[in-house]
PDB file of all heavy atoms in Angstrom:
ATOM      1  N   ILE A   1     -46.644  57.093   4.801  1.00  0.00           N
ATOM      2  CA  ILE A   1     -45.818  57.259   3.600  1.00  0.00           C
ATOM      3  C   ILE A   1     -45.859  58.724   3.174  1.00  0.00           C
ATOM      4  O   ILE A   1     -46.959  59.287   2.995  1.00  0.00           O
ATOM      5  CB  ILE A   1     -46.323  56.344   2.468  1.00  0.00           C
ATOM      6  CG1 ILE A   1     -46.298  54.889   2.923  1.00  0.00           C
ATOM      7  CG2 ILE A   1     -45.470  56.506   1.202  1.00  0.00           C
ATOM      8  CD1 ILE A   1     -47.337  54.018   2.305  1.00  0.00           C
ATOM      9  N   TYR A   2     -44.703  59.327   3.013  1.00  0.00           N
ATOM     10  CA  TYR A   2     -44.608  60.742   2.612  1.00  0.00           C
ATOM     11  C   TYR A   2     -44.807  60.862   1.105  1.00  0.00           C
ATOM     12  O   TYR A   2     -44.279  60.088   0.335  1.00  0.00           O
ATOM     13  CB  TYR A   2     -43.208  61.270   2.992  1.00  0.00           C
ATOM     14  CG  TYR A   2     -42.938  62.684   2.490  1.00  0.00           C
ATOM     15  CD1 TYR A   2     -43.518  63.787   3.104  1.00  0.00           C
ATOM     16  CD2 TYR A   2     -42.071  62.894   1.401  1.00  0.00           C
ATOM     17  CE1 TYR A   2     -43.284  65.065   2.647  1.00  0.00           C
ATOM     18  CE2 TYR A   2     -41.810  64.178   0.927  1.00  0.00           C
ATOM     19  CZ  TYR A   2     -42.425  65.269   1.552  1.00  0.00           C
ATOM     20  OH  TYR A   2     -42.184  66.543   1.093  1.00  0.00           O
ATOM     21  N   ILE A   3     -45.651  61.825   0.701  1.00  0.00           N
ATOM     22  CA  ILE A   3     -45.933  62.057  -0.723  1.00  0.00           C
ATOM     23  C   ILE A   3     -45.519  63.475  -1.082  1.00  0.00           C
ATOM     24  O   ILE A   3     -46.135  64.453  -0.595  1.00  0.00           O
ATOM     25  CB  ILE A   3     -47.424  61.874  -1.043  1.00  0.00           C
ATOM     26  CG1 ILE A   3     -47.983  60.566  -0.467  1.00  0.00           C
ATOM     27  CG2 ILE A   3     -47.643  61.933  -2.567  1.00  0.00           C
ATOM     28  CD1 ILE A   3     -47.431  59.290  -1.045  1.00  0.00           C
ATOM     29  N   PRO A   4     -44.493  63.682  -1.917  1.00  0.00           N
ATOM     30  CA  PRO A   4     -44.103  65.027  -2.332  1.00  0.00           C
ATOM     31  C   PRO A   4     -45.215  65.709  -3.159  1.00  0.00           C
ATOM     32  O   PRO A   4     -46.091  65.023  -3.694  1.00  0.00           O
ATOM     33  CB  PRO A   4     -42.846  64.793  -3.191  1.00  0.00           C
ATOM     34  CG  PRO A   4     -42.411  63.421  -2.882  1.00  0.00           C
ATOM     35  CD  PRO A   4     -43.628  62.656  -2.492  1.00  0.00           C
ATOM     36  N   ARG A   5     -45.123  66.980  -3.299  1.00  0.00           N
ATOM     37  CA  ARG A   5     -46.152  67.784  -3.956  1.00  0.00           C
ATOM     38  C   ARG A   5     -46.516  67.285  -5.362  1.00  0.00           C
ATOM     39  O   ARG A   5     -47.694  67.153  -5.703  1.00  0.00           O
ATOM     40  CB  ARG A   5     -45.690  69.254  -4.035  1.00  0.00           C
ATOM     41  CG  ARG A   5     -46.751  70.162  -4.624  1.00  0.00           C
ATOM     42  CD  ARG A   5     -46.293  71.610  -4.589  1.00  0.00           C
ATOM     43  NE  ARG A   5     -47.352  72.520  -4.980  1.00  0.00           N
ATOM     44  CZ  ARG A   5     -47.247  73.846  -4.926  1.00  0.00           C
ATOM     45  NH1 ARG A   5     -46.112  74.384  -4.499  1.00  0.00           N
ATOM     46  NH2 ARG A   5     -48.238  74.619  -5.314  1.00  0.00           N
ATOM     47  N   GLY A   6     -45.525  67.009  -6.186  1.00  0.00           N
ATOM     48  CA  GLY A   6     -45.768  66.620  -7.555  1.00  0.00           C
ATOM     49  C   GLY A   6     -46.175  65.183  -7.736  1.00  0.00           C
ATOM     50  O   GLY A   6     -46.340  64.707  -8.882  1.00  0.00           O
ATOM     51  N   LYS A   7     -46.375  64.430  -6.647  1.00  0.00           N
ATOM     52  CA  LYS A   7     -46.639  62.985  -6.755  1.00  0.00           C
ATOM     53  C   LYS A   7     -48.048  62.621  -6.237  1.00  0.00           C
ATOM     54  O   LYS A   7     -48.289  61.481  -5.883  1.00  0.00           O
ATOM     55  CB  LYS A   7     -45.606  62.198  -5.931  1.00  0.00           C
ATOM     56  CG  LYS A   7     -44.144  62.515  -6.268  1.00  0.00           C
ATOM     57  CD  LYS A   7     -43.677  61.814  -7.516  1.00  0.00           C
ATOM     58  CE  LYS A   7     -42.172  61.987  -7.729  1.00  0.00           C
ATOM     59  NZ  LYS A   7     -41.710  61.354  -8.974  1.00  0.00           N
ATOM     60  N   MET A   8     -48.957  63.607  -6.184  1.00  0.00           N
ATOM     61  CA  MET A   8     -50.245  63.331  -5.533  1.00  0.00           C
ATOM     62  C   MET A   8     -51.415  63.083  -6.503  1.00  0.00           C
ATOM     63  O   MET A   8     -52.516  62.745  -6.080  1.00  0.00           O
ATOM     64  CB  MET A   8     -50.598  64.474  -4.593  1.00  0.00           C
ATOM     65  CG  MET A   8     -49.751  64.410  -3.332  1.00  0.00           C
ATOM     66  SD  MET A   8     -50.374  65.423  -1.983  1.00  0.00           S
ATOM     67  CE  MET A   8     -49.644  67.015  -2.377  1.00  0.00           C
ATOM     68  N   LYS A   9     -51.191  63.218  -7.805  1.00  0.00           N
ATOM     69  CA  LYS A   9     -52.180  62.855  -8.857  1.00  0.00           C
ATOM     70  C   LYS A   9     -53.575  63.418  -8.580  1.00  0.00           C
ATOM     71  O   LYS A   9     -54.578  62.727  -8.730  1.00  0.00           O
ATOM     72  CB  LYS A   9     -52.256  61.331  -8.999  1.00  0.00           C
ATOM     73  CG  LYS A   9     -52.754  60.890 -10.358  1.00  0.00           C
ATOM     74  CD  LYS A   9     -52.781  59.391 -10.520  1.00  0.00           C
ATOM     75  CE  LYS A   9     -53.251  59.018 -11.908  1.00  0.00           C
ATOM     76  NZ  LYS A   9     -53.259  57.587 -12.167  1.00  0.00           N
ATOM     77  N   LYS A  10     -53.646  64.680  -8.146  1.00  0.00           N
ATOM     78  CA  LYS A  10     -54.927  65.380  -7.941  1.00  0.00           C
ATOM     79  C   LYS A  10     -55.847  64.699  -6.885  1.00  0.00           C
ATOM     80  O   LYS A  10     -57.056  64.938  -6.868  1.00  0.00           O
ATOM     81  CB  LYS A  10     -55.699  65.533  -9.256  1.00  0.00           C
ATOM     82  CG  LYS A  10     -54.960  66.394 -10.286  1.00  0.00           C
ATOM     83  CD  LYS A  10     -55.794  66.577 -11.528  1.00  0.00           C
ATOM     84  CE  LYS A  10     -55.044  67.447 -12.550  1.00  0.00           C
ATOM     85  NZ  LYS A  10     -55.780  67.609 -13.809  1.00  0.00           N
ATOM     86  N   ALA A  11     -55.253  63.850  -6.064  1.00  0.00           N
ATOM     87  CA  ALA A  11     -56.052  63.208  -4.986  1.00  0.00           C
ATOM     88  C   ALA A  11     -56.421  64.263  -3.956  1.00  0.00           C
ATOM     89  O   ALA A  11     -55.629  65.145  -3.631  1.00  0.00           O
ATOM     90  CB  ALA A  11     -55.250  62.077  -4.352  1.00  0.00           C
ATOM     91  N   GLN A  12     -57.645  64.158  -3.454  1.00  0.00           N
ATOM     92  CA  GLN A  12     -58.131  65.102  -2.437  1.00  0.00           C
ATOM     93  C   GLN A  12     -57.912  64.576  -1.045  1.00  0.00           C
ATOM     94  O   GLN A  12     -57.762  63.377  -0.823  1.00  0.00           O
ATOM     95  CB  GLN A  12     -59.627  65.365  -2.660  1.00  0.00           C
ATOM     96  CG  GLN A  12     -59.960  65.929  -4.050  1.00  0.00           C
ATOM     97  CD  GLN A  12     -59.261  67.222  -4.343  1.00  0.00           C
ATOM     98  OE1 GLN A  12     -59.341  68.166  -3.554  1.00  0.00           O
ATOM     99  NE2 GLN A  12     -58.540  67.246  -5.449  1.00  0.00           N
ATOM    100  N   ASN A  13     -57.902  65.486  -0.109  1.00  0.00           N
ATOM    101  CA  ASN A  13     -57.710  65.129   1.302  1.00  0.00           C
ATOM    102  C   ASN A  13     -58.808  64.146   1.708  1.00  0.00           C
ATOM    103  O   ASN A  13     -60.001  64.348   1.452  1.00  0.00           O
ATOM    104  CB  ASN A  13     -57.775  66.391   2.167  1.00  0.00           C
ATOM    105  CG  ASN A  13     -57.485  66.043   3.631  1.00  0.00           C
ATOM    106  OD1 ASN A  13     -56.463  65.445   3.950  1.00  0.00           O
ATOM    107  ND2 ASN A  13     -58.362  66.445   4.515  1.00  0.00           N
ATOM    108  N   GLY A  14     -58.391  63.067   2.385  1.00  0.00           N
ATOM    109  CA  GLY A  14     -59.346  62.066   2.865  1.00  0.00           C
ATOM    110  C   GLY A  14     -59.738  60.991   1.879  1.00  0.00           C
ATOM    111  O   GLY A  14     -60.516  60.079   2.221  1.00  0.00           O
ATOM    112  N   GLU A  15     -59.197  61.027   0.657  1.00  0.00           N
ATOM    113  CA  GLU A  15     -59.538  59.996  -0.334  1.00  0.00           C
ATOM    114  C   GLU A  15     -58.672  58.745  -0.162  1.00  0.00           C
ATOM    115  O   GLU A  15     -57.533  58.803   0.304  1.00  0.00           O
ATOM    116  CB  GLU A  15     -59.372  60.562  -1.749  1.00  0.00           C
ATOM    117  CG  GLU A  15     -60.508  61.487  -2.153  1.00  0.00           C
ATOM    118  CD  GLU A  15     -60.528  61.798  -3.643  1.00  0.00           C
ATOM    119  OE1 GLU A  15     -59.503  62.213  -4.169  1.00  0.00           O
ATOM    120  OE2 GLU A  15     -61.589  61.580  -4.267  1.00  0.00           O
ATOM    121  N   LEU A  16     -59.240  57.642  -0.586  1.00  0.00           N
ATOM    122  CA  LEU A  16     -58.548  56.346  -0.587  1.00  0.00           C
ATOM    123  C   LEU A  16     -57.676  56.302  -1.847  1.00  0.00           C
ATOM    124  O   LEU A  16     -58.167  56.502  -2.942  1.00  0.00           O
ATOM    125  CB  LEU A  16     -59.561  55.200  -0.597  1.00  0.00           C
ATOM    126  CG  LEU A  16     -59.078  53.810  -0.357  1.00  0.00           C
ATOM    127  CD1 LEU A  16     -58.506  53.631   1.049  1.00  0.00           C
ATOM    128  CD2 LEU A  16     -60.221  52.789  -0.574  1.00  0.00           C
ATOM    129  N   VAL A  17     -56.374  56.027  -1.664  1.00  0.00           N
ATOM    130  CA  VAL A  17     -55.454  56.048  -2.793  1.00  0.00           C
ATOM    131  C   VAL A  17     -54.541  54.825  -2.781  1.00  0.00           C
ATOM    132  O   VAL A  17     -54.391  54.147  -1.752  1.00  0.00           O
ATOM    133  CB  VAL A  17     -54.577  57.330  -2.783  1.00  0.00           C
ATOM    134  CG1 VAL A  17     -55.400  58.559  -2.933  1.00  0.00           C
ATOM    135  CG2 VAL A  17     -53.750  57.410  -1.480  1.00  0.00           C
ATOM    136  N   VAL A  18     -53.920  54.571  -3.942  1.00  0.00           N
ATOM    137  CA  VAL A  18     -52.909  53.518  -4.066  1.00  0.00           C
ATOM    138  C   VAL A  18     -51.564  54.221  -4.275  1.00  0.00           C
ATOM    139  O   VAL A  18     -51.415  55.087  -5.140  1.00  0.00           O
ATOM    140  CB  VAL A  18     -53.180  52.585  -5.264  1.00  0.00           C
ATOM    141  CG1 VAL A  18     -52.133  51.462  -5.326  1.00  0.00           C
ATOM    142  CG2 VAL A  18     -54.588  51.972  -5.129  1.00  0.00           C
ATOM    143  N   VAL A  19     -50.565  53.834  -3.463  1.00  0.00           N
ATOM    144  CA  VAL A  19     -49.255  54.465  -3.504  1.00  0.00           C
ATOM    145  C   VAL A  19     -48.209  53.459  -3.964  1.00  0.00           C
ATOM    146  O   VAL A  19     -48.213  52.288  -3.512  1.00  0.00           O
ATOM    147  CB  VAL A  19     -48.845  54.980  -2.105  1.00  0.00           C
ATOM    148  CG1 VAL A  19     -47.443  55.565  -2.116  1.00  0.00           C
ATOM    149  CG2 VAL A  19     -49.852  55.999  -1.612  1.00  0.00           C
ATOM    150  N   SER A  20     -47.328  53.876  -4.871  1.00  0.00           N
ATOM    151  CA  SER A  20     -46.176  53.078  -5.272  1.00  0.00           C
ATOM    152  C   SER A  20     -44.977  53.635  -4.485  1.00  0.00           C
ATOM    153  O   SER A  20     -44.649  54.813  -4.585  1.00  0.00           O
ATOM    154  CB  SER A  20     -45.956  53.182  -6.783  1.00  0.00           C
ATOM    155  OG  SER A  20     -44.773  52.474  -7.135  1.00  0.00           O
ATOM    156  N   ILE A  21     -44.303  52.770  -3.730  1.00  0.00           N
ATOM    157  CA  ILE A  21     -43.175  53.185  -2.894  1.00  0.00           C
ATOM    158  C   ILE A  21     -41.885  53.105  -3.687  1.00  0.00           C
ATOM    159  O   ILE A  21     -41.594  52.074  -4.305  1.00  0.00           O
ATOM    160  CB  ILE A  21     -43.096  52.322  -1.616  1.00  0.00           C
ATOM    161  CG1 ILE A  21     -44.350  52.548  -0.772  1.00  0.00           C
ATOM    162  CG2 ILE A  21     -41.850  52.647  -0.789  1.00  0.00           C
ATOM    163  CD1 ILE A  21     -44.424  51.707   0.477  1.00  0.00           C
ATOM    164  N   TYR A  22     -41.100  54.177  -3.661  1.00  0.00           N
ATOM    165  CA  TYR A  22     -39.778  54.158  -4.329  1.00  0.00           C
ATOM    166  C   TYR A  22     -38.630  54.359  -3.336  1.00  0.00           C
ATOM    167  O   TYR A  22     -37.483  54.185  -3.678  1.00  0.00           O
ATOM    168  CB  TYR A  22     -39.731  55.193  -5.469  1.00  0.00           C
ATOM    169  CG  TYR A  22     -40.078  56.598  -5.092  1.00  0.00           C
ATOM    170  CD1 TYR A  22     -39.159  57.424  -4.434  1.00  0.00           C
ATOM    171  CD2 TYR A  22     -41.323  57.133  -5.433  1.00  0.00           C
ATOM    172  CE1 TYR A  22     -39.485  58.716  -4.092  1.00  0.00           C
ATOM    173  CE2 TYR A  22     -41.651  58.444  -5.116  1.00  0.00           C
ATOM    174  CZ  TYR A  22     -40.726  59.254  -4.442  1.00  0.00           C
ATOM    175  OH  TYR A  22     -41.042  60.547  -4.109  1.00  0.00           O
ATOM    176  N   PHE A  23     -38.950  54.761  -2.105  1.00  0.00           N
ATOM    177  CA  PHE A  23     -37.931  54.857  -1.064  1.00  0.00           C
ATOM    178  C   PHE A  23     -38.548  54.241   0.220  1.00  0.00           C
ATOM    179  O   PHE A  23     -39.621  54.659   0.648  1.00  0.00           O
ATOM    180  CB  PHE A  23     -37.525  56.299  -0.841  1.00  0.00           C
ATOM    181  CG  PHE A  23     -36.652  56.503   0.376  1.00  0.00           C
ATOM    182  CD1 PHE A  23     -35.365  55.972   0.440  1.00  0.00           C
ATOM    183  CD2 PHE A  23     -37.115  57.229   1.504  1.00  0.00           C
ATOM    184  CE1 PHE A  23     -34.564  56.150   1.559  1.00  0.00           C
ATOM    185  CE2 PHE A  23     -36.312  57.408   2.614  1.00  0.00           C
ATOM    186  CZ  PHE A  23     -35.058  56.870   2.633  1.00  0.00           C
ATOM    187  N   TRP A  24     -37.874  53.279   0.803  1.00  0.00           N
ATOM    188  CA  TRP A  24     -38.458  52.504   1.909  1.00  0.00           C
ATOM    189  C   TRP A  24     -38.223  53.125   3.286  1.00  0.00           C
ATOM    190  O   TRP A  24     -38.681  52.587   4.285  1.00  0.00           O
ATOM    191  CB  TRP A  24     -37.930  51.068   1.882  1.00  0.00           C
ATOM    192  CG  TRP A  24     -38.487  50.310   0.739  1.00  0.00           C
ATOM    193  CD1 TRP A  24     -37.904  50.135  -0.497  1.00  0.00           C
ATOM    194  CD2 TRP A  24     -39.775  49.685   0.655  1.00  0.00           C
ATOM    195  NE1 TRP A  24     -38.738  49.426  -1.315  1.00  0.00           N
ATOM    196  CE2 TRP A  24     -39.882  49.115  -0.640  1.00  0.00           C
ATOM    197  CE3 TRP A  24     -40.836  49.536   1.540  1.00  0.00           C
ATOM    198  CZ2 TRP A  24     -41.013  48.434  -1.041  1.00  0.00           C
ATOM    199  CZ3 TRP A  24     -41.952  48.840   1.134  1.00  0.00           C
ATOM    200  CH2 TRP A  24     -42.039  48.300  -0.159  1.00  0.00           C
ATOM    201  N   GLY A  25     -37.509  54.239   3.344  1.00  0.00           N
ATOM    202  CA  GLY A  25     -37.302  54.892   4.613  1.00  0.00           C
ATOM    203  C   GLY A  25     -36.076  54.354   5.368  1.00  0.00           C
ATOM    204  O   GLY A  25     -35.507  53.325   5.027  1.00  0.00           O
ATOM    205  N   ASP A  26     -35.666  55.090   6.358  1.00  0.00           N
ATOM    206  CA  ASP A  26     -34.565  54.674   7.210  1.00  0.00           C
ATOM    207  C   ASP A  26     -34.820  55.183   8.612  1.00  0.00           C
ATOM    208  O   ASP A  26     -35.959  55.507   8.978  1.00  0.00           O
ATOM    209  CB  ASP A  26     -33.211  55.221   6.648  1.00  0.00           C
ATOM    210  CG  ASP A  26     -33.254  56.705   6.396  1.00  0.00           C
ATOM    211  OD1 ASP A  26     -33.957  57.435   7.125  1.00  0.00           O
ATOM    212  OD2 ASP A  26     -32.571  57.175   5.464  1.00  0.00           O
ATOM    213  N   LYS A  27     -33.772  55.265   9.443  1.00  0.00           N
ATOM    214  CA  LYS A  27     -33.970  55.665  10.839  1.00  0.00           C
ATOM    215  C   LYS A  27     -34.564  57.081  10.967  1.00  0.00           C
ATOM    216  O   LYS A  27     -35.305  57.375  11.900  1.00  0.00           O
ATOM    217  CB  LYS A  27     -32.624  55.626  11.594  1.00  0.00           C
ATOM    218  CG  LYS A  27     -32.167  54.188  11.889  1.00  0.00           C
ATOM    219  CD  LYS A  27     -30.875  54.233  12.681  1.00  0.00           C
ATOM    220  CE  LYS A  27     -30.387  52.789  12.949  1.00  0.00           C
ATOM    221  NZ  LYS A  27     -29.089  52.768  13.674  1.00  0.00           N
ATOM    222  N   ASP A  28     -34.195  57.928  10.016  1.00  0.00           N
ATOM    223  CA  ASP A  28     -34.601  59.351  10.113  1.00  0.00           C
ATOM    224  C   ASP A  28     -35.755  59.747   9.224  1.00  0.00           C
ATOM    225  O   ASP A  28     -36.407  60.759   9.468  1.00  0.00           O
ATOM    226  CB  ASP A  28     -33.384  60.249   9.776  1.00  0.00           C
ATOM    227  CG  ASP A  28     -32.181  59.905  10.641  1.00  0.00           C
ATOM    228  OD1 ASP A  28     -32.372  59.788  11.880  1.00  0.00           O
ATOM    229  OD2 ASP A  28     -31.063  59.737  10.098  1.00  0.00           O
ATOM    230  N   ARG A  29     -36.020  58.982   8.165  1.00  0.00           N
ATOM    231  CA  ARG A  29     -37.044  59.381   7.182  1.00  0.00           C
ATOM    232  C   ARG A  29     -38.099  58.314   6.971  1.00  0.00           C
ATOM    233  O   ARG A  29     -37.789  57.104   7.033  1.00  0.00           O
ATOM    234  CB  ARG A  29     -36.359  59.692   5.826  1.00  0.00           C
ATOM    235  CG  ARG A  29     -35.450  60.911   5.876  1.00  0.00           C
ATOM    236  CD  ARG A  29     -34.555  60.942   4.633  1.00  0.00           C
ATOM    237  NE  ARG A  29     -35.325  61.052   3.404  1.00  0.00           N
ATOM    238  CZ  ARG A  29     -34.839  60.771   2.188  1.00  0.00           C
ATOM    239  NH1 ARG A  29     -33.555  60.361   2.074  1.00  0.00           N
ATOM    240  NH2 ARG A  29     -35.572  60.907   1.112  1.00  0.00           N
ATOM    241  N   LYS A  30     -39.312  58.773   6.740  1.00  0.00           N
ATOM    242  CA  LYS A  30     -40.418  57.859   6.441  1.00  0.00           C
ATOM    243  C   LYS A  30     -40.267  57.316   5.018  1.00  0.00           C
ATOM    244  O   LYS A  30     -39.539  57.880   4.202  1.00  0.00           O
ATOM    245  CB  LYS A  30     -41.765  58.610   6.515  1.00  0.00           C
ATOM    246  CG  LYS A  30     -42.198  59.004   7.917  1.00  0.00           C
ATOM    247  CD  LYS A  30     -43.518  59.757   7.851  1.00  0.00           C
ATOM    248  CE  LYS A  30     -43.998  60.144   9.240  1.00  0.00           C
ATOM    249  NZ  LYS A  30     -44.449  59.006  10.034  1.00  0.00           N
ATOM    250  N   PRO A  31     -40.957  56.210   4.719  1.00  0.00           N
ATOM    251  CA  PRO A  31     -40.994  55.746   3.333  1.00  0.00           C
ATOM    252  C   PRO A  31     -41.617  56.837   2.456  1.00  0.00           C
ATOM    253  O   PRO A  31     -42.392  57.675   2.924  1.00  0.00           O
ATOM    254  CB  PRO A  31     -41.948  54.532   3.368  1.00  0.00           C
ATOM    255  CG  PRO A  31     -41.907  54.080   4.786  1.00  0.00           C
ATOM    256  CD  PRO A  31     -41.725  55.310   5.602  1.00  0.00           C
ATOM    257  N   GLU A  32     -41.233  56.846   1.151  1.00  0.00           N
ATOM    258  CA  GLU A  32     -41.690  57.900   0.250  1.00  0.00           C
ATOM    259  C   GLU A  32     -42.278  57.231  -1.002  1.00  0.00           C
ATOM    260  O   GLU A  32     -41.801  56.194  -1.459  1.00  0.00           O
ATOM    261  CB  GLU A  32     -40.494  58.759  -0.146  1.00  0.00           C
ATOM    262  CG  GLU A  32     -40.864  60.119  -0.688  1.00  0.00           C
ATOM    263  CD  GLU A  32     -39.653  61.054  -0.749  1.00  0.00           C
ATOM    264  OE1 GLU A  32     -39.050  61.327   0.301  1.00  0.00           O
ATOM    265  OE2 GLU A  32     -39.319  61.478  -1.866  1.00  0.00           O
ATOM    266  N   GLY A  33     -43.345  57.833  -1.561  1.00  0.00           N
ATOM    267  CA  GLY A  33     -43.929  57.238  -2.749  1.00  0.00           C
ATOM    268  C   GLY A  33     -44.749  58.214  -3.522  1.00  0.00           C
ATOM    269  O   GLY A  33     -44.832  59.396  -3.200  1.00  0.00           O
ATOM    270  N   GLU A  34     -45.357  57.695  -4.602  1.00  0.00           N
ATOM    271  CA  GLU A  34     -46.262  58.540  -5.410  1.00  0.00           C
ATOM    272  C   GLU A  34     -47.603  57.859  -5.558  1.00  0.00           C
ATOM    273  O   GLU A  34     -47.708  56.614  -5.602  1.00  0.00           O
ATOM    274  CB  GLU A  34     -45.642  58.800  -6.783  1.00  0.00           C
ATOM    275  CG  GLU A  34     -45.493  57.601  -7.677  1.00  0.00           C
ATOM    276  CD  GLU A  34     -45.027  57.987  -9.081  1.00  0.00           C
ATOM    277  OE1 GLU A  34     -45.564  58.965  -9.626  1.00  0.00           O
ATOM    278  OE2 GLU A  34     -44.125  57.298  -9.610  1.00  0.00           O
ATOM    279  N   ILE A  35     -48.647  58.666  -5.640  1.00  0.00           N
ATOM    280  CA  ILE A  35     -49.995  58.130  -5.805  1.00  0.00           C
ATOM    281  C   ILE A  35     -50.181  57.702  -7.265  1.00  0.00           C
ATOM    282  O   ILE A  35     -49.939  58.514  -8.176  1.00  0.00           O
ATOM    283  CB  ILE A  35     -51.042  59.181  -5.401  1.00  0.00           C
ATOM    284  CG1 ILE A  35     -50.968  59.425  -3.883  1.00  0.00           C
ATOM    285  CG2 ILE A  35     -52.452  58.741  -5.774  1.00  0.00           C
ATOM    286  CD1 ILE A  35     -51.793  60.565  -3.375  1.00  0.00           C
ATOM    287  N   ILE A  36     -50.562  56.450  -7.476  1.00  0.00           N
ATOM    288  CA  ILE A  36     -50.732  55.952  -8.846  1.00  0.00           C
ATOM    289  C   ILE A  36     -52.213  55.739  -9.195  1.00  0.00           C
ATOM    290  O   ILE A  36     -52.549  55.593 -10.359  1.00  0.00           O
ATOM    291  CB  ILE A  36     -49.922  54.650  -9.089  1.00  0.00           C
ATOM    292  CG1 ILE A  36     -50.364  53.561  -8.087  1.00  0.00           C
ATOM    293  CG2 ILE A  36     -48.429  54.918  -9.029  1.00  0.00           C
ATOM    294  CD1 ILE A  36     -49.804  52.195  -8.405  1.00  0.00           C
ATOM    295  N   GLU A  37     -53.083  55.700  -8.178  1.00  0.00           N
ATOM    296  CA  GLU A  37     -54.499  55.559  -8.467  1.00  0.00           C
ATOM    297  C   GLU A  37     -55.315  56.141  -7.310  1.00  0.00           C
ATOM    298  O   GLU A  37     -54.956  55.979  -6.139  1.00  0.00           O
ATOM    299  CB  GLU A  37     -54.861  54.086  -8.667  1.00  0.00           C
ATOM    300  CG  GLU A  37     -56.292  53.898  -9.114  1.00  0.00           C
ATOM    301  CD  GLU A  37     -56.521  52.632  -9.967  1.00  0.00           C
ATOM    302  OE1 GLU A  37     -55.524  51.999 -10.320  1.00  0.00           O
ATOM    303  OE2 GLU A  37     -57.657  52.330 -10.208  1.00  0.00           O
TER     304      GLU A  37
END
């Protein structure tokens, strides 16, 4: 799941996170979401 810069909620590399998906992806793009926890 792709996470844009402003949607990472200060999560650090390698941390376990919960993502809310708002775009499910298509043939060319991955699903997209934001970290909520």
